[in-house]
């Protein structure tokens, strides 16, 4: 069973100025765009990766 997570990793610190990864949540542009259509398993894969990378970050 997947852990209980917020609906989205978004922390309203949105910036992809230097590459394709959001500075706030750690998701790629494609992941942000497709988030609402992803199933729970797909979202959990993203959650695990971004948490391992130290995201979400509120102060970037």
PDB file of N, CA and C in Angstrom:
ATOM      1  N   UNK A   1       0.848  -1.196   0.000  1.00  0.00           N
ATOM      2  CA  UNK A   1       0.000   0.000   0.000  1.00  0.00           C
ATOM      3  C   UNK A   1       0.884   1.246   0.000  1.00  0.00           C
ATOM      4  N   UNK A   2       0.561   2.180  -0.858  1.00  0.00           N
ATOM      5  CA  UNK A   2       1.348   3.399  -0.987  1.00  0.00           C
ATOM      6  C   UNK A   2       1.120   4.314   0.214  1.00  0.00           C
ATOM      7  N   UNK A   3       2.138   5.072   0.604  1.00  0.00           N
ATOM      8  CA  UNK A   3       1.974   6.021   1.699  1.00  0.00           C
ATOM      9  C   UNK A   3       0.962   7.105   1.338  1.00  0.00           C
ATOM     10  N   UNK A   4       0.371   7.700   2.350  1.00  0.00           N
ATOM     11  CA  UNK A   4      -0.550   8.817   2.120  1.00  0.00           C
ATOM     12  C   UNK A   4       0.287  10.037   1.757  1.00  0.00           C
ATOM     13  N   UNK A   5      -0.016  10.637   0.645  1.00  0.00           N
ATOM     14  CA  UNK A   5       0.726  11.796   0.160  1.00  0.00           C
ATOM     15  C   UNK A   5      -0.253  12.932  -0.128  1.00  0.00           C
ATOM     16  N   UNK A   6       0.229  14.172  -0.166  1.00  0.00           N
ATOM     17  CA  UNK A   6      -0.621  15.273  -0.630  1.00  0.00           C
ATOM     18  C   UNK A   6      -1.049  15.012  -2.081  1.00  0.00           C
ATOM     19  N   UNK A   7      -2.070  15.702  -2.534  1.00  0.00           N
ATOM     20  CA  UNK A   7      -2.556  15.528  -3.900  1.00  0.00           C
ATOM     21  C   UNK A   7      -1.480  15.818  -4.946  1.00  0.00           C
ATOM     22  N   UNK A   8      -0.572  16.705  -4.618  1.00  0.00           N
ATOM     23  CA  UNK A   8       0.480  17.101  -5.551  1.00  0.00           C
ATOM     24  C   UNK A   8       1.712  17.527  -4.771  1.00  0.00           C
ATOM     25  N   UNK A   9       2.894  17.338  -5.335  1.00  0.00           N
ATOM     26  CA  UNK A   9       4.094  17.815  -4.663  1.00  0.00           C
ATOM     27  C   UNK A   9       4.334  19.319  -4.834  1.00  0.00           C
ATOM     28  N   UNK A  10       3.472  19.986  -5.567  1.00  0.00           N
ATOM     29  CA  UNK A  10       3.642  21.415  -5.840  1.00  0.00           C
ATOM     30  C   UNK A  10       3.706  22.214  -4.535  1.00  0.00           C
ATOM     31  N   UNK A  11       4.681  23.123  -4.449  1.00  0.00           N
ATOM     32  CA  UNK A  11       4.823  24.000  -3.291  1.00  0.00           C
ATOM     33  C   UNK A  11       4.736  25.465  -3.709  1.00  0.00           C
ATOM     34  N   UNK A  12       4.224  25.712  -4.901  1.00  0.00           N
ATOM     35  CA  UNK A  12       4.028  27.060  -5.442  1.00  0.00           C
ATOM     36  C   UNK A  12       5.341  27.829  -5.562  1.00  0.00           C
ATOM     37  N   UNK A  13       6.433  27.108  -5.798  1.00  0.00           N
ATOM     38  CA  UNK A  13       7.730  27.703  -6.091  1.00  0.00           C
ATOM     39  C   UNK A  13       8.100  27.159  -7.463  1.00  0.00           C
ATOM     40  N   UNK A  14       7.431  27.653  -8.474  1.00  0.00           N
ATOM     41  CA  UNK A  14       7.538  27.076  -9.809  1.00  0.00           C
ATOM     42  C   UNK A  14       8.596  27.790 -10.636  1.00  0.00           C
ATOM     43  N   UNK A  15       9.590  27.041 -11.057  1.00  0.00           N
ATOM     44  CA  UNK A  15      10.622  27.592 -11.913  1.00  0.00           C
ATOM     45  C   UNK A  15      11.331  26.466 -12.635  1.00  0.00           C
ATOM     46  N   UNK A  16      11.391  26.582 -13.941  1.00  0.00           N
ATOM     47  CA  UNK A  16      12.179  25.652 -14.754  1.00  0.00           C
ATOM     48  C   UNK A  16      13.137  26.478 -15.617  1.00  0.00           C
ATOM     49  N   UNK A  17      13.659  27.551 -15.042  1.00  0.00           N
ATOM     50  CA  UNK A  17      14.486  28.498 -15.778  1.00  0.00           C
ATOM     51  C   UNK A  17      15.713  27.881 -16.426  1.00  0.00           C
ATOM     52  N   UNK A  18      16.399  26.995 -15.715  1.00  0.00           N
ATOM     53  CA  UNK A  18      17.674  26.504 -16.217  1.00  0.00           C
ATOM     54  C   UNK A  18      17.619  25.127 -16.857  1.00  0.00           C
ATOM     55  N   UNK A  19      16.567  24.381 -16.589  1.00  0.00           N
ATOM     56  CA  UNK A  19      16.430  23.057 -17.191  1.00  0.00           C
ATOM     57  C   UNK A  19      14.960  22.639 -17.167  1.00  0.00           C
ATOM     58  N   UNK A  20      14.711  21.375 -17.346  1.00  0.00           N
ATOM     59  CA  UNK A  20      13.338  20.877 -17.426  1.00  0.00           C
ATOM     60  C   UNK A  20      12.790  20.402 -16.080  1.00  0.00           C
ATOM     61  N   UNK A  21      13.462  20.742 -14.977  1.00  0.00           N
ATOM     62  CA  UNK A  21      13.045  20.287 -13.656  1.00  0.00           C
ATOM     63  C   UNK A  21      12.615  21.484 -12.817  1.00  0.00           C
ATOM     64  N   UNK A  22      11.452  21.387 -12.215  1.00  0.00           N
ATOM     65  CA  UNK A  22      10.941  22.461 -11.375  1.00  0.00           C
ATOM     66  C   UNK A  22      11.803  22.592 -10.122  1.00  0.00           C
ATOM     67  N   UNK A  23      12.204  23.798  -9.792  1.00  0.00           N
ATOM     68  CA  UNK A  23      13.040  24.066  -8.623  1.00  0.00           C
ATOM     69  C   UNK A  23      12.278  23.849  -7.310  1.00  0.00           C
ATOM     70  N   UNK A  24      10.973  23.901  -7.345  1.00  0.00           N
ATOM     71  CA  UNK A  24      10.188  23.732  -6.127  1.00  0.00           C
ATOM     72  C   UNK A  24       9.829  22.290  -5.823  1.00  0.00           C
ATOM     73  N   UNK A  25       9.232  21.613  -6.811  1.00  0.00           N
ATOM     74  CA  UNK A  25       8.735  20.257  -6.543  1.00  0.00           C
ATOM     75  C   UNK A  25       9.630  19.149  -7.071  1.00  0.00           C
ATOM     76  N   UNK A  26      10.541  19.461  -7.981  1.00  0.00           N
ATOM     77  CA  UNK A  26      11.448  18.451  -8.504  1.00  0.00           C
ATOM     78  C   UNK A  26      10.919  17.640  -9.666  1.00  0.00           C
ATOM     79  N   UNK A  27       9.683  17.925 -10.079  1.00  0.00           N
ATOM     80  CA  UNK A  27       9.126  17.186 -11.218  1.00  0.00           C
ATOM     81  C   UNK A  27       9.606  17.788 -12.530  1.00  0.00           C
ATOM     82  N   UNK A  28       9.626  16.954 -13.560  1.00  0.00           N
ATOM     83  CA  UNK A  28       9.949  17.454 -14.894  1.00  0.00           C
ATOM     84  C   UNK A  28       8.739  18.212 -15.440  1.00  0.00           C
ATOM     85  N   UNK A  29       8.973  18.973 -16.484  1.00  0.00           N
ATOM     86  CA  UNK A  29       7.878  19.699 -17.131  1.00  0.00           C
ATOM     87  C   UNK A  29       6.784  18.722 -17.556  1.00  0.00           C
ATOM     88  N   UNK A  30       7.178  17.578 -18.124  1.00  0.00           N
ATOM     89  CA  UNK A  30       6.200  16.577 -18.572  1.00  0.00           C
ATOM     90  C   UNK A  30       5.422  16.003 -17.391  1.00  0.00           C
ATOM     91  N   UNK A  31       6.096  15.759 -16.271  1.00  0.00           N
ATOM     92  CA  UNK A  31       5.402  15.222 -15.096  1.00  0.00           C
ATOM     93  C   UNK A  31       4.386  16.218 -14.550  1.00  0.00           C
ATOM     94  N   UNK A  32       4.751  17.489 -14.529  1.00  0.00           N
ATOM     95  CA  UNK A  32       3.805  18.523 -14.080  1.00  0.00           C
ATOM     96  C   UNK A  32       2.599  18.553 -15.014  1.00  0.00           C
ATOM     97  N   UNK A  33       2.847  18.548 -16.306  1.00  0.00           N
ATOM     98  CA  UNK A  33       1.773  18.636 -17.297  1.00  0.00           C
ATOM     99  C   UNK A  33       0.845  17.429 -17.253  1.00  0.00           C
ATOM    100  N   UNK A  34       1.411  16.250 -16.968  1.00  0.00           N
ATOM    101  CA  UNK A  34       0.623  15.020 -17.005  1.00  0.00           C
ATOM    102  C   UNK A  34       0.135  14.551 -15.639  1.00  0.00           C
ATOM    103  N   UNK A  35       0.445  15.276 -14.579  1.00  0.00           N
ATOM    104  CA  UNK A  35       0.143  14.832 -13.219  1.00  0.00           C
ATOM    105  C   UNK A  35      -1.320  14.436 -13.041  1.00  0.00           C
ATOM    106  N   UNK A  36      -2.235  15.242 -13.531  1.00  0.00           N
ATOM    107  CA  UNK A  36      -3.665  14.969 -13.305  1.00  0.00           C
ATOM    108  C   UNK A  36      -4.135  13.702 -14.002  1.00  0.00           C
ATOM    109  N   UNK A  37      -3.432  13.263 -15.042  1.00  0.00           N
ATOM    110  CA  UNK A  37      -3.847  12.046 -15.741  1.00  0.00           C
ATOM    111  C   UNK A  37      -3.046  10.816 -15.313  1.00  0.00           C
ATOM    112  N   UNK A  38      -2.066  10.992 -14.426  1.00  0.00           N
ATOM    113  CA  UNK A  38      -1.285   9.850 -13.947  1.00  0.00           C
ATOM    114  C   UNK A  38      -2.101   9.031 -12.948  1.00  0.00           C
ATOM    115  N   UNK A  39      -1.859   7.715 -12.938  1.00  0.00           N
ATOM    116  CA  UNK A  39      -2.517   6.886 -11.938  1.00  0.00           C
ATOM    117  C   UNK A  39      -1.686   6.910 -10.649  1.00  0.00           C
ATOM    118  N   UNK A  40      -2.194   6.301  -9.595  1.00  0.00           N
ATOM    119  CA  UNK A  40      -1.544   6.339  -8.282  1.00  0.00           C
ATOM    120  C   UNK A  40      -0.139   5.740  -8.320  1.00  0.00           C
ATOM    121  N   UNK A  41       0.043   4.658  -9.062  1.00  0.00           N
ATOM    122  CA  UNK A  41       1.369   4.029  -9.149  1.00  0.00           C
ATOM    123  C   UNK A  41       2.380   4.944  -9.833  1.00  0.00           C
ATOM    124  N   UNK A  42       1.954   5.594 -10.904  1.00  0.00           N
ATOM    125  CA  UNK A  42       2.850   6.509 -11.621  1.00  0.00           C
ATOM    126  C   UNK A  42       3.235   7.681 -10.724  1.00  0.00           C
ATOM    127  N   UNK A  43       2.256   8.213  -9.997  1.00  0.00           N
ATOM    128  CA  UNK A  43       2.540   9.323  -9.085  1.00  0.00           C
ATOM    129  C   UNK A  43       3.498   8.891  -7.984  1.00  0.00           C
ATOM    130  N   UNK A  44       3.325   7.691  -7.464  1.00  0.00           N
ATOM    131  CA  UNK A  44       4.187   7.202  -6.395  1.00  0.00           C
ATOM    132  C   UNK A  44       5.635   7.066  -6.871  1.00  0.00           C
ATOM    133  N   UNK A  45       5.834   6.638  -8.103  1.00  0.00           N
ATOM    134  CA  UNK A  45       7.188   6.553  -8.661  1.00  0.00           C
ATOM    135  C   UNK A  45       7.831   7.947  -8.663  1.00  0.00           C
ATOM    136  N   UNK A  46       7.070   8.938  -9.084  1.00  0.00           N
ATOM    137  CA  UNK A  46       7.581  10.313  -9.100  1.00  0.00           C
ATOM    138  C   UNK A  46       7.863  10.777  -7.671  1.00  0.00           C
ATOM    139  N   UNK A  47       6.909  10.543  -6.762  1.00  0.00           N
ATOM    140  CA  UNK A  47       7.101  10.927  -5.357  1.00  0.00           C
ATOM    141  C   UNK A  47       8.388  10.329  -4.798  1.00  0.00           C
ATOM    142  N   UNK A  48       8.617   9.052  -5.020  1.00  0.00           N
ATOM    143  CA  UNK A  48       9.805   8.401  -4.466  1.00  0.00           C
ATOM    144  C   UNK A  48      11.082   9.040  -5.005  1.00  0.00           C
ATOM    145  N   UNK A  49      11.103   9.338  -6.297  1.00  0.00           N
ATOM    146  CA  UNK A  49      12.286   9.956  -6.902  1.00  0.00           C
ATOM    147  C   UNK A  49      12.527  11.356  -6.347  1.00  0.00           C
ATOM    148  N   UNK A  50      11.492  12.182  -6.318  1.00  0.00           N
ATOM    149  CA  UNK A  50      11.707  13.566  -5.873  1.00  0.00           C
ATOM    150  C   UNK A  50      12.050  13.634  -4.383  1.00  0.00           C
ATOM    151  N   UNK A  51      11.449  12.775  -3.572  1.00  0.00           N
ATOM    152  CA  UNK A  51      11.803  12.767  -2.149  1.00  0.00           C
ATOM    153  C   UNK A  51      13.258  12.345  -1.956  1.00  0.00           C
ATOM    154  N   UNK A  52      13.713  11.360  -2.725  1.00  0.00           N
ATOM    155  CA  UNK A  52      15.100  10.912  -2.650  1.00  0.00           C
ATOM    156  C   UNK A  52      16.072  12.012  -3.074  1.00  0.00           C
ATOM    157  N   UNK A  53      15.603  12.915  -3.929  1.00  0.00           N
ATOM    158  CA  UNK A  53      16.439  14.017  -4.422  1.00  0.00           C
ATOM    159  C   UNK A  53      16.318  15.272  -3.552  1.00  0.00           C
ATOM    160  N   UNK A  54      15.559  15.193  -2.458  1.00  0.00           N
ATOM    161  CA  UNK A  54      15.452  16.331  -1.547  1.00  0.00           C
ATOM    162  C   UNK A  54      14.336  17.310  -1.855  1.00  0.00           C
ATOM    163  N   UNK A  55      13.409  16.921  -2.675  1.00  0.00           N
ATOM    164  CA  UNK A  55      12.248  17.749  -2.990  1.00  0.00           C
ATOM    165  C   UNK A  55      11.049  17.234  -2.202  1.00  0.00           C
ATOM    166  N   UNK A  56       9.977  17.991  -2.113  1.00  0.00           N
ATOM    167  CA  UNK A  56       9.810  19.378  -2.539  1.00  0.00           C
ATOM    168  C   UNK A  56      10.600  20.347  -1.652  1.00  0.00           C
ATOM    169  N   UNK A  57      10.954  21.477  -2.252  1.00  0.00           N
ATOM    170  CA  UNK A  57      11.711  22.525  -1.562  1.00  0.00           C
ATOM    171  C   UNK A  57      10.886  23.798  -1.542  1.00  0.00           C
ATOM    172  N   UNK A  58      10.602  24.277  -0.388  1.00  0.00           N
ATOM    173  CA  UNK A  58       9.816  25.511  -0.277  1.00  0.00           C
ATOM    174  C   UNK A  58      10.677  26.757  -0.447  1.00  0.00           C
ATOM    175  N   UNK A  59      11.926  26.708  -0.046  1.00  0.00           N
ATOM    176  CA  UNK A  59      12.820  27.853  -0.153  1.00  0.00           C
ATOM    177  C   UNK A  59      13.936  27.521  -1.130  1.00  0.00           C
ATOM    178  N   UNK A  60      13.762  27.944  -2.382  1.00  0.00           N
ATOM    179  CA  UNK A  60      14.788  27.622  -3.380  1.00  0.00           C
ATOM    180  C   UNK A  60      15.496  28.879  -3.823  1.00  0.00           C
TER     181      UNK A  60
END
